């Protein structure tokens, strides 16, 4: 069984977007970047993915410079290539073009020592949709609480 250690999560994405599809992708990193990720120095809150020349790229992800890195240290917000199958990239590009969707990273994690990112094909929520989701979550929580107390 694969050992998974979550490094960074985009919790705001679950509030601001309706997630239609998810896919796991690898990330092409340098030596100091993977060391920094293993130390917990990553943030994907402002990141998004875009296709470029038939490849998928991650923009805006901040991976802090490695403390013990020398002059070979990396730039924290450089674009990083995502490792996906061509078929998946074509399907997601079609979804973006036809339905006006976006691609954002949901979680960044280490799986068997390799950095992976879970991408989501998302549609933005309107303000009233966000309020409806919060109201439904609160109602479900209250109902579960009532069911627990009824059993006593």
Protein backbone atom coordinates (compact mmCIF):
# COMPACT_ATOMS: atom_id res chain seq x y z
CA UNK A 1 0.00 0.00 0.00
CA UNK A 2 1.29 3.45 -0.92
CA UNK A 3 2.35 5.72 1.92
CA UNK A 4 0.79 9.18 1.44
CA UNK A 5 1.83 12.29 3.37
CA UNK A 6 -0.17 15.44 2.66
CA UNK A 7 2.07 18.52 2.40
CA UNK A 8 -0.32 21.30 1.33
CA UNK A 9 -4.07 21.60 0.74
CA UNK A 10 -6.15 24.20 -1.04
CA UNK A 11 -9.09 24.18 1.39
CA UNK A 12 -10.50 27.38 -0.04
CA UNK A 13 -11.01 25.64 -3.39
CA UNK A 14 -13.74 23.42 -1.93
CA UNK A 15 -15.60 26.57 -0.86
CA UNK A 16 -15.08 28.72 -3.96
CA UNK A 17 -15.47 26.08 -6.67
CA UNK A 18 -17.68 23.18 -7.67
CA UNK A 19 -15.30 20.29 -8.37
CA UNK A 20 -16.39 18.28 -11.42
CA UNK A 21 -13.41 15.93 -11.94
CA UNK A 22 -10.18 15.04 -10.17
CA UNK A 23 -6.91 13.58 -11.43
CA UNK A 24 -3.50 12.82 -9.91
CA UNK A 25 -0.43 14.26 -11.64
CA UNK A 26 3.27 14.13 -10.94
CA UNK A 27 5.39 17.30 -10.79
CA UNK A 28 8.76 17.84 -12.45
CA UNK A 29 10.96 19.28 -9.68
CA UNK A 30 14.59 20.16 -9.01
CA UNK A 31 16.58 18.73 -6.07
CA UNK A 32 16.10 21.68 -3.73
CA UNK A 33 12.36 21.83 -4.50
CA UNK A 34 11.66 18.25 -3.41
CA UNK A 35 13.73 18.77 -0.26
CA UNK A 36 11.73 21.89 0.56
CA UNK A 37 8.43 20.05 -0.04
CA UNK A 38 9.53 17.23 2.26
CA UNK A 39 10.28 19.88 4.90
CA UNK A 40 6.73 21.24 4.49
CA UNK A 41 7.58 24.46 2.62
CA UNK A 42 4.85 24.48 -0.02
CA UNK A 43 1.71 26.56 -0.61
CA UNK A 44 -0.79 25.94 -3.45
CA UNK A 45 -3.54 28.35 -2.39
CA UNK A 46 -2.95 30.81 -5.27
CA UNK A 47 -1.95 28.20 -7.87
CA UNK A 48 -3.66 27.14 -11.09
CA UNK A 49 -2.80 24.91 -14.06
CA UNK A 50 -2.83 25.81 -17.75
CA UNK A 51 -2.00 23.90 -20.92
CA UNK A 52 0.89 25.12 -23.06
CA UNK A 53 2.03 23.36 -26.26
CA UNK A 54 0.22 20.12 -25.39
CA UNK A 55 1.67 19.98 -21.86
CA UNK A 56 0.11 20.97 -18.54
CA UNK A 57 1.93 23.54 -16.37
CA UNK A 58 1.39 24.60 -12.74
CA UNK A 59 1.59 28.37 -12.15
CA UNK A 60 1.61 30.29 -8.89
CA UNK A 61 2.55 27.42 -6.57
CA UNK A 62 4.99 28.67 -3.94
CA UNK A 63 7.70 26.23 -2.89
CA UNK A 64 9.99 27.93 -0.39
CA UNK A 65 13.71 27.97 -1.02
CA UNK A 66 15.54 25.14 0.71
CA UNK A 67 17.35 26.44 3.79
CA UNK A 68 20.51 24.38 3.21
CA UNK A 69 20.48 25.12 -0.53
CA UNK A 70 23.43 26.97 -2.03
CA UNK A 71 23.64 29.10 -5.15
CA UNK A 72 21.73 26.28 -6.92
CA UNK A 73 18.52 27.07 -5.00
CA UNK A 74 15.34 27.36 -7.06
CA UNK A 75 12.99 30.28 -7.74
CA UNK A 76 9.97 29.85 -5.38
CA UNK A 77 7.14 30.58 -7.85
CA UNK A 78 8.51 29.32 -11.16
CA UNK A 79 6.14 27.40 -13.50
CA UNK A 80 6.41 23.63 -13.04
CA UNK A 81 5.57 20.97 -15.59
CA UNK A 82 2.87 18.49 -14.57
CA UNK A 83 3.25 14.87 -15.61
CA UNK A 84 -0.04 13.71 -17.11
CA UNK A 85 -1.07 11.43 -19.98
CA UNK A 86 -1.64 13.19 -23.32
CA UNK A 87 -5.20 11.80 -23.42
CA UNK A 88 -6.01 13.35 -20.02
CA UNK A 89 -4.54 16.69 -21.08
CA UNK A 90 -6.60 16.72 -24.30
CA UNK A 91 -9.83 15.88 -22.42
CA UNK A 92 -9.26 18.63 -19.86
CA UNK A 93 -8.34 21.20 -22.54
CA UNK A 94 -11.62 20.36 -24.30
CA UNK A 95 -13.52 20.77 -21.01
CA UNK A 96 -11.91 24.15 -20.40
CA UNK A 97 -12.72 25.40 -23.92
CA UNK A 98 -16.29 24.10 -24.21
CA UNK A 99 -17.62 24.69 -20.73
CA UNK A 100 -15.49 27.57 -19.47
CA UNK A 101 -13.88 25.60 -16.64
CA UNK A 102 -10.60 26.06 -14.75
CA UNK A 103 -7.95 23.69 -13.42
CA UNK A 104 -6.70 24.20 -9.88
CA UNK A 105 -4.59 22.06 -7.51
CA UNK A 106 -6.55 20.64 -4.59
CA UNK A 107 -3.80 18.91 -2.60
CA UNK A 108 -0.03 18.45 -2.79
CA UNK A 109 1.28 15.25 -1.24
CA UNK A 110 4.13 12.77 -1.19
CA UNK A 111 3.27 9.28 -2.43
CA UNK A 112 6.04 6.72 -2.01
CA UNK A 113 8.54 9.59 -1.80
CA UNK A 114 7.39 11.26 -5.04
CA UNK A 115 5.59 14.63 -5.13
CA UNK A 116 2.09 14.42 -6.58
CA UNK A 117 -0.65 16.99 -6.98
CA UNK A 118 -4.38 16.31 -7.15
CA UNK A 119 -5.88 18.58 -9.80
CA UNK A 120 -9.53 19.50 -10.04
CA UNK A 121 -11.51 20.55 -13.11
CA UNK A 122 -13.70 23.21 -11.50
CA UNK A 123 -16.47 25.70 -12.11
CA UNK A 124 -16.58 28.86 -10.00
CA UNK A 125 -19.44 29.24 -7.54
CA UNK A 126 -21.53 32.37 -7.25
CA UNK A 127 -21.92 34.02 -3.84
CA UNK A 128 -25.46 32.66 -3.36
CA UNK A 129 -24.26 29.14 -4.22
CA UNK A 130 -21.63 29.41 -1.48
CA UNK A 131 -24.32 30.42 1.03
CA UNK A 132 -26.51 27.48 -0.01
CA UNK A 133 -23.62 25.04 0.46
CA UNK A 134 -22.90 26.42 3.94
CA UNK A 135 -26.60 26.24 4.90
CA UNK A 136 -26.87 22.63 3.68
CA UNK A 137 -23.71 21.63 5.57
CA UNK A 138 -25.01 23.23 8.77
CA UNK A 139 -28.41 21.54 8.36
CA UNK A 140 -26.75 18.14 7.82
CA UNK A 141 -24.57 18.69 10.89
CA UNK A 142 -27.61 19.60 13.02
CA UNK A 143 -29.50 16.55 11.76
CA UNK A 144 -26.58 14.25 12.62
CA UNK A 145 -26.34 15.81 16.06
CA UNK A 146 -30.08 15.28 16.63
CA UNK A 147 -29.83 11.65 15.50
CA UNK A 148 -26.96 11.02 17.93
CA UNK A 149 -28.88 12.50 20.85
CA UNK A 150 -32.05 10.59 19.96
CA UNK A 151 -30.24 7.25 20.36
CA UNK A 152 -29.28 7.95 23.97
